Amino acid sequence: MLAERMGQLATESLVLVGQLPVAFQCLAAALEDLHWSTRKPKHVLMAALVAVALDRLDDVRRQVSE
């Protein structure tokens, strides 16, 4: 289910669904999945997600420029 939701980002990243953009809902779903699978606090997981994103800024630049 999470993979399906993430797949929507390519075409619906700016579409509002339930008052939140799909991208935010996907991030929240990923955070929940990580929380339940690792039992780590959500603030720790969010920090790790941000750190990985910052490490991969070139990948993000490439993706948004396509």
N, C-alpha and C. Protein backbone atom coordinates (compact mmCIF):
# COMPACT_ATOMS: atom_id res chain seq x y z
N MET A 1 0.81 -1.18 0.00
CA MET A 1 0.00 0.00 0.00
C MET A 1 0.86 1.26 0.00
N LEU A 2 1.93 1.27 0.78
CA LEU A 2 2.81 2.43 0.82
C LEU A 2 3.45 2.66 -0.55
N ALA A 3 3.88 1.59 -1.20
CA ALA A 3 4.50 1.73 -2.52
C ALA A 3 3.52 2.32 -3.52
N GLU A 4 2.27 1.89 -3.46
CA GLU A 4 1.25 2.46 -4.36
C GLU A 4 1.07 3.94 -4.10
N ARG A 5 1.02 4.30 -2.83
CA ARG A 5 0.83 5.70 -2.46
C ARG A 5 2.00 6.55 -2.93
N MET A 6 3.21 6.01 -2.78
CA MET A 6 4.39 6.74 -3.22
C MET A 6 4.39 6.92 -4.73
N GLY A 7 3.85 5.94 -5.44
CA GLY A 7 3.77 6.04 -6.90
C GLY A 7 2.90 7.19 -7.36
N GLN A 8 1.99 7.63 -6.54
CA GLN A 8 1.12 8.75 -6.90
C GLN A 8 1.88 10.07 -6.94
N LEU A 9 3.01 10.14 -6.29
CA LEU A 9 3.75 11.40 -6.21
C LEU A 9 4.10 11.96 -7.58
N ALA A 10 4.43 11.11 -8.51
CA ALA A 10 4.85 11.57 -9.83
C ALA A 10 3.77 12.37 -10.52
N THR A 11 2.52 12.00 -10.33
CA THR A 11 1.46 12.68 -11.05
C THR A 11 0.57 13.55 -10.19
N GLU A 12 0.60 13.38 -8.89
CA GLU A 12 -0.35 14.09 -8.04
C GLU A 12 0.30 14.88 -6.91
N SER A 13 1.54 15.23 -7.04
CA SER A 13 2.24 15.82 -5.91
C SER A 13 1.62 17.14 -5.44
N LEU A 14 0.89 17.81 -6.29
CA LEU A 14 0.29 19.07 -5.86
C LEU A 14 -1.21 18.97 -5.65
N VAL A 15 -1.77 17.78 -5.83
CA VAL A 15 -3.20 17.59 -5.66
C VAL A 15 -3.53 17.49 -4.18
N LEU A 16 -4.56 18.18 -3.77
CA LEU A 16 -4.96 18.11 -2.37
C LEU A 16 -5.89 16.93 -2.16
N VAL A 17 -5.60 16.13 -1.18
CA VAL A 17 -6.44 15.00 -0.81
C VAL A 17 -6.65 15.10 0.69
N GLY A 18 -7.86 15.32 1.10
CA GLY A 18 -8.15 15.43 2.53
C GLY A 18 -7.38 16.57 3.17
N GLN A 19 -7.24 17.68 2.49
CA GLN A 19 -6.60 18.91 2.96
C GLN A 19 -5.08 18.86 2.98
N LEU A 20 -4.48 17.72 2.71
CA LEU A 20 -3.02 17.64 2.67
C LEU A 20 -2.57 17.18 1.29
N PRO A 21 -1.52 17.80 0.76
CA PRO A 21 -1.01 17.31 -0.52
C PRO A 21 -0.59 15.84 -0.39
N VAL A 22 -0.71 15.12 -1.48
CA VAL A 22 -0.38 13.70 -1.49
C VAL A 22 1.04 13.47 -0.98
N ALA A 23 1.97 14.35 -1.31
CA ALA A 23 3.35 14.18 -0.86
C ALA A 23 3.44 14.13 0.66
N PHE A 24 2.68 14.98 1.33
CA PHE A 24 2.69 14.99 2.79
C PHE A 24 2.07 13.71 3.34
N GLN A 25 1.01 13.24 2.69
CA GLN A 25 0.38 12.01 3.14
C GLN A 25 1.32 10.83 2.97
N CYS A 26 2.09 10.82 1.90
CA CYS A 26 3.06 9.74 1.67
C CYS A 26 4.17 9.79 2.72
N LEU A 27 4.62 10.98 3.04
CA LEU A 27 5.65 11.11 4.08
C LEU A 27 5.11 10.63 5.42
N ALA A 28 3.90 11.01 5.73
CA ALA A 28 3.29 10.56 6.99
C ALA A 28 3.13 9.04 7.01
N ALA A 29 2.75 8.45 5.88
CA ALA A 29 2.59 7.00 5.80
C ALA A 29 3.95 6.31 5.97
N ALA A 30 4.99 6.86 5.36
CA ALA A 30 6.33 6.29 5.51
C ALA A 30 6.78 6.37 6.96
N LEU A 31 6.52 7.50 7.60
CA LEU A 31 6.89 7.68 9.00
C LEU A 31 6.16 6.67 9.89
N GLU A 32 4.88 6.48 9.65
CA GLU A 32 4.11 5.50 10.42
C GLU A 32 4.65 4.09 10.22
N ASP A 33 4.94 3.75 8.97
CA ASP A 33 5.47 2.42 8.66
C ASP A 33 6.80 2.19 9.38
N LEU A 34 7.69 3.18 9.31
CA LEU A 34 8.97 3.06 10.00
C LEU A 34 8.79 2.97 11.52
N HIS A 35 7.89 3.77 12.04
CA HIS A 35 7.64 3.77 13.49
C HIS A 35 7.20 2.38 13.96
N TRP A 36 6.24 1.79 13.26
CA TRP A 36 5.73 0.49 13.69
C TRP A 36 6.71 -0.63 13.44
N SER A 37 7.52 -0.52 12.38
CA SER A 37 8.45 -1.61 12.09
C SER A 37 9.73 -1.53 12.93
N THR A 38 10.09 -0.32 13.39
CA THR A 38 11.32 -0.18 14.17
C THR A 38 11.06 0.12 15.64
N ARG A 39 9.87 0.63 15.93
CA ARG A 39 9.51 1.06 17.28
C ARG A 39 10.37 2.22 17.78
N LYS A 40 10.99 2.94 16.87
CA LYS A 40 11.77 4.13 17.22
C LYS A 40 10.82 5.32 17.31
N PRO A 41 11.18 6.33 18.10
CA PRO A 41 10.35 7.53 18.20
C PRO A 41 10.26 8.24 16.84
N LYS A 42 9.11 8.82 16.58
CA LYS A 42 8.88 9.46 15.28
C LYS A 42 9.83 10.62 15.02
N HIS A 43 10.22 11.37 16.06
CA HIS A 43 11.14 12.49 15.83
C HIS A 43 12.52 11.98 15.39
N VAL A 44 12.93 10.83 15.88
CA VAL A 44 14.20 10.23 15.47
C VAL A 44 14.12 9.78 14.01
N LEU A 45 13.00 9.17 13.67
CA LEU A 45 12.81 8.70 12.29
C LEU A 45 12.72 9.86 11.31
N MET A 46 12.03 10.93 11.70
CA MET A 46 11.93 12.09 10.82
C MET A 46 13.30 12.71 10.59
N ALA A 47 14.10 12.78 11.62
CA ALA A 47 15.46 13.31 11.47
C ALA A 47 16.26 12.44 10.51
N ALA A 48 16.09 11.13 10.59
CA ALA A 48 16.80 10.22 9.68
C ALA A 48 16.30 10.40 8.24
N LEU A 49 15.00 10.55 8.06
CA LEU A 49 14.45 10.77 6.71
C LEU A 49 15.00 12.07 6.10
N VAL A 50 15.05 13.11 6.90
CA VAL A 50 15.58 14.39 6.41
C VAL A 50 17.07 14.26 6.09
N ALA A 51 17.81 13.58 6.93
CA ALA A 51 19.25 13.40 6.68
C ALA A 51 19.49 12.66 5.37
N VAL A 52 18.72 11.62 5.11
CA VAL A 52 18.86 10.88 3.84
C VAL A 52 18.50 11.78 2.67
N ALA A 53 17.42 12.54 2.80
CA ALA A 53 17.02 13.44 1.72
C ALA A 53 18.11 14.48 1.43
N LEU A 54 18.71 15.02 2.48
CA LEU A 54 19.78 16.01 2.29
C LEU A 54 21.00 15.38 1.64
N ASP A 55 21.28 14.13 1.97
CA ASP A 55 22.40 13.43 1.34
C ASP A 55 22.17 13.17 -0.14
N ARG A 56 20.90 13.18 -0.54
CA ARG A 56 20.56 12.83 -1.92
C ARG A 56 19.97 14.02 -2.69
N LEU A 57 20.40 15.21 -2.37
CA LEU A 57 19.88 16.41 -3.04
C LEU A 57 20.09 16.39 -4.54
N ASP A 58 21.21 15.84 -5.00
CA ASP A 58 21.45 15.77 -6.44
C ASP A 58 20.41 14.89 -7.12
N ASP A 59 20.01 13.81 -6.46
CA ASP A 59 18.96 12.95 -7.00
C ASP A 59 17.64 13.70 -7.09
N VAL A 60 17.36 14.49 -6.07
CA VAL A 60 16.12 15.30 -6.07
C VAL A 60 16.16 16.31 -7.20
N ARG A 61 17.28 16.98 -7.37
CA ARG A 61 17.41 17.96 -8.45
C ARG A 61 17.16 17.31 -9.81
N ARG A 62 17.74 16.13 -10.01
CA ARG A 62 17.55 15.42 -11.27
C ARG A 62 16.08 15.05 -11.48
N GLN A 63 15.43 14.58 -10.43
CA GLN A 63 14.05 14.16 -10.55
C GLN A 63 13.11 15.32 -10.89
N VAL A 64 13.33 16.46 -10.28
CA VAL A 64 12.42 17.58 -10.53
C VAL A 64 12.73 18.29 -11.83
N SER A 65 13.91 18.07 -12.39
CA SER A 65 14.23 18.73 -13.65
C SER A 65 13.85 17.90 -14.87
N GLU A 66 13.40 16.67 -14.66
CA GLU A 66 12.99 15.82 -15.77
C GLU A 66 11.65 16.21 -16.30
